[in-house]
Amino acid sequence: MPNYKLSYFDVRALAEPARIIFALFDVSFEDHRVSVEEWNKLKQRTPYGQLPVLEVDGVEIGQSMSITRYLARKFGERDYVLQFQKAVSSYAIEMKKINNFA
């Protein structure tokens, strides 16, 4: 099984759909909660200068929707997962809208 590391701030927002997918499929992952101080040092090394970032065996995936889609496809080979994927995508889109106002 691959090693997963999800990096995001210590809030329920753009990385939450990925956390939900990991929990739903009982997949262990490192939930790296980034502090403001750490973010100032980390920002230039992240894809697009943004969080969340999912690292899969050393390969980084940026952008919350890309991460959500990757995980849903990776673990989602059952019919009910398609419904879940739609719900998670909707949640992620709404969180992105809220984030754009902040």
N, C-alpha and C. Protein backbone atom coordinates (compact mmCIF):
# COMPACT_ATOMS: atom_id res chain seq x y z
N MET A 1 0.85 -1.18 0.00
CA MET A 1 0.00 0.00 0.00
C MET A 1 0.89 1.24 0.00
N PRO A 2 0.53 2.24 -0.80
CA PRO A 2 1.32 3.47 -0.84
C PRO A 2 1.30 4.21 0.50
N ASN A 3 2.27 5.07 0.70
CA ASN A 3 2.29 5.96 1.86
C ASN A 3 1.67 7.29 1.46
N TYR A 4 0.69 7.73 2.25
CA TYR A 4 -0.02 8.97 1.97
C TYR A 4 0.29 9.99 3.05
N LYS A 5 0.54 11.22 2.62
CA LYS A 5 0.71 12.34 3.55
C LYS A 5 -0.10 13.50 3.01
N LEU A 6 -1.09 13.93 3.80
CA LEU A 6 -1.94 15.05 3.42
C LEU A 6 -1.54 16.26 4.26
N SER A 7 -1.15 17.33 3.61
CA SER A 7 -0.73 18.55 4.31
C SER A 7 -1.75 19.65 4.08
N TYR A 8 -2.21 20.22 5.20
CA TYR A 8 -3.16 21.33 5.14
C TYR A 8 -3.17 22.01 6.49
N PHE A 9 -3.79 23.15 6.56
CA PHE A 9 -3.91 23.88 7.82
C PHE A 9 -4.81 23.10 8.78
N ASP A 10 -4.77 23.47 10.04
CA ASP A 10 -5.55 22.77 11.06
C ASP A 10 -6.98 23.30 11.10
N VAL A 11 -7.67 23.16 9.97
CA VAL A 11 -9.07 23.57 9.85
C VAL A 11 -9.80 22.56 8.97
N ARG A 12 -11.11 22.56 9.09
CA ARG A 12 -11.94 21.73 8.21
C ARG A 12 -12.33 22.58 7.01
N ALA A 13 -11.65 22.37 5.93
CA ALA A 13 -11.94 23.16 4.73
C ALA A 13 -11.57 22.35 3.50
N LEU A 14 -10.64 22.82 2.71
CA LEU A 14 -10.37 22.22 1.40
C LEU A 14 -9.79 20.81 1.45
N ALA A 15 -9.16 20.42 2.55
CA ALA A 15 -8.61 19.06 2.66
C ALA A 15 -9.60 18.08 3.28
N GLU A 16 -10.72 18.58 3.76
CA GLU A 16 -11.67 17.72 4.46
C GLU A 16 -12.24 16.60 3.59
N PRO A 17 -12.56 16.85 2.31
CA PRO A 17 -13.03 15.73 1.49
C PRO A 17 -12.02 14.59 1.42
N ALA A 18 -10.74 14.90 1.32
CA ALA A 18 -9.71 13.85 1.29
C ALA A 18 -9.68 13.10 2.61
N ARG A 19 -9.77 13.81 3.72
CA ARG A 19 -9.79 13.16 5.04
C ARG A 19 -10.99 12.22 5.16
N ILE A 20 -12.13 12.66 4.63
CA ILE A 20 -13.34 11.83 4.68
C ILE A 20 -13.14 10.56 3.85
N ILE A 21 -12.55 10.69 2.69
CA ILE A 21 -12.31 9.51 1.84
C ILE A 21 -11.38 8.53 2.54
N PHE A 22 -10.30 9.02 3.13
CA PHE A 22 -9.39 8.13 3.87
C PHE A 22 -10.14 7.41 4.99
N ALA A 23 -10.99 8.13 5.71
CA ALA A 23 -11.74 7.52 6.81
C ALA A 23 -12.75 6.49 6.29
N LEU A 24 -13.45 6.83 5.22
CA LEU A 24 -14.46 5.94 4.66
C LEU A 24 -13.86 4.60 4.26
N PHE A 25 -12.68 4.63 3.69
CA PHE A 25 -12.05 3.41 3.21
C PHE A 25 -11.03 2.85 4.19
N ASP A 26 -10.99 3.42 5.39
CA ASP A 26 -10.11 2.94 6.45
C ASP A 26 -8.66 2.83 5.97
N VAL A 27 -8.20 3.88 5.31
CA VAL A 27 -6.83 3.94 4.79
C VAL A 27 -6.02 4.85 5.70
N SER A 28 -4.90 4.35 6.19
CA SER A 28 -4.07 5.17 7.06
C SER A 28 -3.30 6.19 6.22
N PHE A 29 -3.12 7.36 6.80
CA PHE A 29 -2.38 8.44 6.15
C PHE A 29 -1.83 9.36 7.21
N GLU A 30 -0.79 10.09 6.86
CA GLU A 30 -0.26 11.10 7.77
C GLU A 30 -1.03 12.38 7.55
N ASP A 31 -1.70 12.85 8.59
CA ASP A 31 -2.50 14.07 8.53
C ASP A 31 -1.63 15.22 9.05
N HIS A 32 -0.87 15.82 8.16
CA HIS A 32 0.08 16.87 8.53
C HIS A 32 -0.64 18.20 8.62
N ARG A 33 -0.82 18.70 9.84
CA ARG A 33 -1.50 19.98 10.07
C ARG A 33 -0.44 21.08 10.10
N VAL A 34 -0.50 21.97 9.14
CA VAL A 34 0.52 22.99 8.95
C VAL A 34 0.18 24.24 9.75
N SER A 35 1.14 24.70 10.55
CA SER A 35 0.97 25.94 11.32
C SER A 35 1.29 27.14 10.42
N VAL A 36 0.90 28.32 10.85
CA VAL A 36 1.18 29.54 10.08
C VAL A 36 2.69 29.73 9.93
N GLU A 37 3.43 29.48 11.01
CA GLU A 37 4.88 29.63 10.96
C GLU A 37 5.50 28.65 9.96
N GLU A 38 5.03 27.42 9.98
CA GLU A 38 5.54 26.41 9.06
C GLU A 38 5.17 26.76 7.62
N TRP A 39 3.96 27.29 7.42
CA TRP A 39 3.49 27.62 6.09
C TRP A 39 4.39 28.66 5.43
N ASN A 40 4.85 29.64 6.20
CA ASN A 40 5.73 30.66 5.65
C ASN A 40 7.00 30.06 5.06
N LYS A 41 7.48 28.98 5.65
CA LYS A 41 8.69 28.30 5.16
C LYS A 41 8.36 27.32 4.03
N LEU A 42 7.19 26.73 4.08
CA LEU A 42 6.80 25.65 3.17
C LEU A 42 6.24 26.15 1.84
N LYS A 43 5.66 27.34 1.83
CA LYS A 43 4.89 27.83 0.69
C LYS A 43 5.62 27.73 -0.64
N GLN A 44 6.87 28.12 -0.70
CA GLN A 44 7.60 28.13 -1.97
C GLN A 44 7.89 26.73 -2.49
N ARG A 45 7.77 25.72 -1.64
CA ARG A 45 8.07 24.35 -2.07
C ARG A 45 6.82 23.56 -2.45
N THR A 46 5.64 24.16 -2.33
CA THR A 46 4.41 23.43 -2.65
C THR A 46 3.99 23.68 -4.09
N PRO A 47 3.28 22.72 -4.68
CA PRO A 47 2.76 22.96 -6.04
C PRO A 47 1.83 24.17 -6.03
N TYR A 48 2.05 25.09 -6.91
CA TYR A 48 1.23 26.29 -7.06
C TYR A 48 1.30 27.22 -5.85
N GLY A 49 2.19 26.96 -4.90
CA GLY A 49 2.29 27.79 -3.70
C GLY A 49 1.05 27.73 -2.84
N GLN A 50 0.37 26.57 -2.84
CA GLN A 50 -0.91 26.43 -2.14
C GLN A 50 -0.99 25.11 -1.39
N LEU A 51 -1.90 25.07 -0.45
CA LEU A 51 -2.31 23.84 0.22
C LEU A 51 -3.77 23.62 -0.11
N PRO A 52 -4.26 22.39 -0.08
CA PRO A 52 -3.64 21.17 0.40
C PRO A 52 -2.69 20.55 -0.64
N VAL A 53 -1.84 19.67 -0.12
CA VAL A 53 -0.95 18.87 -0.94
C VAL A 53 -1.05 17.43 -0.44
N LEU A 54 -1.24 16.51 -1.36
CA LEU A 54 -1.21 15.09 -1.03
C LEU A 54 0.07 14.52 -1.61
N GLU A 55 0.86 13.89 -0.74
CA GLU A 55 2.08 13.23 -1.18
C GLU A 55 1.83 11.73 -1.18
N VAL A 56 2.05 11.10 -2.33
CA VAL A 56 1.87 9.66 -2.48
C VAL A 56 3.22 9.06 -2.86
N ASP A 57 3.83 8.40 -1.90
CA ASP A 57 5.17 7.82 -2.12
C ASP A 57 6.14 8.82 -2.75
N GLY A 58 6.14 10.04 -2.22
CA GLY A 58 7.09 11.06 -2.67
C GLY A 58 6.62 11.92 -3.83
N VAL A 59 5.50 11.57 -4.46
CA VAL A 59 4.97 12.36 -5.57
C VAL A 59 3.88 13.28 -5.02
N GLU A 60 4.01 14.59 -5.28
CA GLU A 60 3.05 15.56 -4.75
C GLU A 60 1.92 15.84 -5.73
N ILE A 61 0.71 15.90 -5.18
CA ILE A 61 -0.48 16.28 -5.94
C ILE A 61 -1.03 17.53 -5.28
N GLY A 62 -1.18 18.59 -6.04
CA GLY A 62 -1.73 19.83 -5.52
C GLY A 62 -3.17 20.01 -5.96
N GLN A 63 -3.82 21.00 -5.38
CA GLN A 63 -5.20 21.36 -5.70
C GLN A 63 -6.21 20.39 -5.08
N SER A 64 -7.11 20.93 -4.30
CA SER A 64 -8.06 20.12 -3.54
C SER A 64 -8.94 19.24 -4.43
N MET A 65 -9.40 19.76 -5.56
CA MET A 65 -10.26 18.96 -6.43
C MET A 65 -9.48 17.82 -7.08
N SER A 66 -8.24 18.07 -7.44
CA SER A 66 -7.41 17.00 -8.02
C SER A 66 -7.16 15.90 -7.01
N ILE A 67 -6.91 16.29 -5.77
CA ILE A 67 -6.68 15.32 -4.69
C ILE A 67 -7.94 14.50 -4.47
N THR A 68 -9.08 15.17 -4.38
CA THR A 68 -10.35 14.48 -4.14
C THR A 68 -10.66 13.49 -5.26
N ARG A 69 -10.49 13.92 -6.49
CA ARG A 69 -10.76 13.03 -7.63
C ARG A 69 -9.79 11.85 -7.66
N TYR A 70 -8.53 12.12 -7.37
CA TYR A 70 -7.53 11.04 -7.36
C TYR A 70 -7.91 9.98 -6.34
N LEU A 71 -8.23 10.40 -5.12
CA LEU A 71 -8.56 9.43 -4.07
C LEU A 71 -9.87 8.71 -4.36
N ALA A 72 -10.86 9.43 -4.85
CA ALA A 72 -12.14 8.80 -5.16
C ALA A 72 -11.97 7.73 -6.24
N ARG A 73 -11.14 8.01 -7.22
CA ARG A 73 -10.88 7.01 -8.27
C ARG A 73 -10.01 5.87 -7.75
N LYS A 74 -9.05 6.21 -6.91
CA LYS A 74 -8.13 5.20 -6.37
C LYS A 74 -8.88 4.15 -5.55
N PHE A 75 -9.78 4.62 -4.69
CA PHE A 75 -10.48 3.71 -3.78
C PHE A 75 -11.89 3.39 -4.24
N GLY A 76 -12.42 4.11 -5.21
CA GLY A 76 -13.83 4.03 -5.54
C GLY A 76 -14.17 3.17 -6.71
N GLU A 77 -14.18 1.88 -6.52
CA GLU A 77 -14.56 0.98 -7.60
C GLU A 77 -15.92 0.33 -7.35
N ARG A 78 -16.67 0.88 -6.41
CA ARG A 78 -18.00 0.35 -6.12
C ARG A 78 -19.06 1.40 -6.44
N ASP A 79 -20.27 0.95 -6.72
CA ASP A 79 -21.34 1.86 -7.13
C ASP A 79 -21.61 2.97 -6.12
N TYR A 80 -21.65 2.62 -4.83
CA TYR A 80 -21.99 3.65 -3.85
C TYR A 80 -20.92 4.73 -3.79
N VAL A 81 -19.72 4.40 -4.23
CA VAL A 81 -18.65 5.39 -4.21
C VAL A 81 -18.90 6.48 -5.24
N LEU A 82 -19.57 6.15 -6.33
CA LEU A 82 -19.89 7.18 -7.31
C LEU A 82 -20.79 8.25 -6.70
N GLN A 83 -21.76 7.82 -5.91
CA GLN A 83 -22.62 8.78 -5.22
C GLN A 83 -21.82 9.59 -4.21
N PHE A 84 -20.93 8.91 -3.50
CA PHE A 84 -20.10 9.59 -2.52
C PHE A 84 -19.17 10.59 -3.22
N GLN A 85 -18.62 10.19 -4.36
CA GLN A 85 -17.72 11.08 -5.10
C GLN A 85 -18.46 12.35 -5.51
N LYS A 86 -19.69 12.21 -5.94
CA LYS A 86 -20.48 13.39 -6.30
C LYS A 86 -20.70 14.29 -5.09
N ALA A 87 -21.02 13.69 -3.96
CA ALA A 87 -21.24 14.48 -2.74
C ALA A 87 -19.96 15.18 -2.30
N VAL A 88 -18.86 14.47 -2.33
CA VAL A 88 -17.58 15.07 -1.92
C VAL A 88 -17.18 16.18 -2.89
N SER A 89 -17.39 15.97 -4.17
CA SER A 89 -17.07 17.01 -5.15
C SER A 89 -17.91 18.26 -4.90
N SER A 90 -19.18 18.07 -4.61
CA SER A 90 -20.05 19.20 -4.31
C SER A 90 -19.56 19.94 -3.07
N TYR A 91 -19.20 19.18 -2.05
CA TYR A 91 -18.68 19.77 -0.81
C TYR A 91 -17.41 20.57 -1.11
N ALA A 92 -16.51 19.99 -1.88
CA ALA A 92 -15.24 20.66 -2.19
C ALA A 92 -15.47 21.94 -2.99
N ILE A 93 -16.41 21.90 -3.92
CA ILE A 93 -16.72 23.09 -4.71
C ILE A 93 -17.27 24.20 -3.82
N GLU A 94 -18.17 23.85 -2.91
CA GLU A 94 -18.73 24.85 -2.00
C GLU A 94 -17.65 25.42 -1.09
N MET A 95 -16.74 24.57 -0.60
CA MET A 95 -15.65 25.06 0.25
C MET A 95 -14.76 26.01 -0.55
N LYS A 96 -14.54 25.73 -1.81
CA LYS A 96 -13.73 26.59 -2.66
C LYS A 96 -14.40 27.95 -2.81
N LYS A 97 -15.72 27.96 -2.98
CA LYS A 97 -16.45 29.22 -3.09
C LYS A 97 -16.30 30.04 -1.82
N ILE A 98 -16.45 29.38 -0.68
CA ILE A 98 -16.30 30.07 0.60
C ILE A 98 -14.89 30.62 0.74
N ASN A 99 -13.91 29.83 0.36
CA ASN A 99 -12.50 30.23 0.46
C ASN A 99 -12.22 31.45 -0.42
N ASN A 100 -12.89 31.55 -1.56
CA ASN A 100 -12.67 32.69 -2.45
C ASN A 100 -13.16 34.00 -1.85
N PHE A 101 -14.08 33.94 -0.89
CA PHE A 101 -14.57 35.15 -0.24
C PHE A 101 -13.69 35.57 0.92
N ALA A 102 -12.86 34.65 1.41
CA ALA A 102 -12.02 34.96 2.58
C ALA A 102 -10.83 35.81 2.19
